[in-house]
Amino acid sequence: MSVEVRFLGIFEETFGRNQIYLAAENPRKLREVIIEVAKSSPELGRLLIDPELLDPRPNAVILVNGKEIGVLQGLETEVKSGDKIVLIPVIHGG
């Protein structure tokens, strides 16, 4: 069984694919899944994880099964086999 992780925008361009499937150890914390994704591609990890906060939330909107993680338990949301995670880049302007 697995968890699907989808990438949009610059995340997809950087990773070179729009999705991956990770082994699901029921249940896992979303934080663990994000760390695994970041380690799988150092370039994606640099875009995804804020270096000062060590947190992806400043750089990405994260959905689990269509719900933004702010309405769930944030990075402590439990992820199980069959769940779908979507990483959407946040556009910063200046």
Protein backbone atom coordinates (compact mmCIF):
# COMPACT_ATOMS: atom_id res chain seq x y z
CA MET A 1 0.00 0.00 0.00
CA SER A 2 1.14 3.54 -0.63
CA VAL A 3 0.54 7.26 -0.26
CA GLU A 4 0.35 9.42 -3.39
CA VAL A 5 2.22 12.73 -3.35
CA ARG A 6 1.43 15.15 -6.20
CA PHE A 7 3.52 18.17 -7.16
CA LEU A 8 2.24 21.31 -8.87
CA GLY A 9 4.00 24.25 -10.49
CA ILE A 10 7.69 24.74 -9.76
CA PHE A 11 7.70 21.66 -7.50
CA GLU A 12 6.78 19.48 -10.49
CA GLU A 13 9.32 21.22 -12.73
CA THR A 14 12.08 20.79 -10.16
CA PHE A 15 11.25 17.19 -9.26
CA GLY A 16 10.78 16.21 -12.91
CA ARG A 17 7.54 14.33 -12.26
CA ASN A 18 4.10 15.35 -11.08
CA GLN A 19 3.67 12.54 -8.55
CA ILE A 20 5.34 9.80 -6.57
CA TYR A 21 4.10 6.97 -4.42
CA LEU A 22 5.65 6.32 -1.02
CA ALA A 23 5.33 3.22 1.09
CA ALA A 24 2.68 3.67 3.74
CA GLU A 25 3.53 2.58 7.25
CA ASN A 26 0.13 3.06 8.87
CA PRO A 27 -0.20 5.65 10.18
CA ARG A 28 2.59 8.13 9.47
CA LYS A 29 2.81 11.78 10.37
CA LEU A 30 2.65 14.18 7.43
CA ARG A 31 5.91 15.71 8.68
CA GLU A 32 7.67 12.34 8.08
CA VAL A 33 6.29 12.10 4.55
CA ILE A 34 7.40 15.65 3.71
CA ILE A 35 10.91 14.95 5.03
CA GLU A 36 11.10 11.79 2.91
CA VAL A 37 10.02 13.75 -0.17
CA ALA A 38 12.58 16.51 0.53
CA LYS A 39 15.38 13.95 0.95
CA SER A 40 14.47 12.24 -2.32
CA SER A 41 15.39 15.39 -4.26
CA PRO A 42 17.80 17.94 -2.72
CA GLU A 43 16.70 20.61 -5.24
CA LEU A 44 13.05 20.10 -4.37
CA GLY A 45 13.95 20.04 -0.68
CA ARG A 46 15.58 23.49 -0.98
CA LEU A 47 12.42 24.90 -2.59
CA LEU A 48 10.02 23.14 -0.28
CA ILE A 49 11.58 23.47 3.19
CA ASP A 50 12.15 26.94 4.68
CA PRO A 51 15.80 26.82 5.86
CA GLU A 52 15.30 29.00 8.92
CA LEU A 53 12.09 27.39 10.17
CA LEU A 54 12.78 23.86 8.83
CA ASP A 55 9.13 23.88 7.81
CA PRO A 56 7.44 23.58 4.39
CA ARG A 57 4.40 25.73 5.23
CA PRO A 58 5.88 29.13 4.24
CA ASN A 59 6.62 27.73 0.77
CA ALA A 60 3.72 25.38 0.09
CA VAL A 61 0.02 24.93 0.52
CA ILE A 62 -0.36 21.30 1.54
CA LEU A 63 -3.54 19.32 1.01
CA VAL A 64 -4.33 15.88 2.42
CA ASN A 65 -7.27 14.25 0.70
CA GLY A 66 -8.39 17.65 -0.61
CA LYS A 67 -8.23 19.46 2.76
CA GLU A 68 -5.68 22.14 3.63
CA ILE A 69 -3.63 20.92 6.59
CA GLY A 70 -4.52 24.01 8.63
CA VAL A 71 -8.01 22.55 9.14
CA LEU A 72 -6.49 19.20 10.07
CA GLN A 73 -3.62 18.72 12.52
CA GLY A 74 -1.00 20.54 10.47
CA LEU A 75 2.21 18.59 9.99
CA GLU A 76 1.07 16.19 12.72
CA THR A 77 -1.81 15.00 10.51
CA GLU A 78 -1.81 11.22 10.28
CA VAL A 79 -1.38 9.88 6.76
CA LYS A 80 -2.33 6.33 5.88
CA SER A 81 -2.32 4.08 2.86
CA GLY A 82 -4.49 5.40 0.05
CA ASP A 83 -4.23 9.04 1.14
CA LYS A 84 -3.40 11.74 -1.41
CA ILE A 85 -1.09 14.65 -0.60
CA VAL A 86 -0.80 17.66 -2.91
CA LEU A 87 2.04 20.18 -2.64
CA ILE A 88 1.21 23.57 -4.17
CA PRO A 89 3.94 26.22 -4.31
CA VAL A 90 3.25 29.58 -2.72
CA ILE A 91 4.08 32.48 -5.03
CA HIS A 92 6.07 35.19 -3.24
CA GLY A 93 6.09 38.67 -4.70
CA GLY A 94 8.20 41.66 -4.04
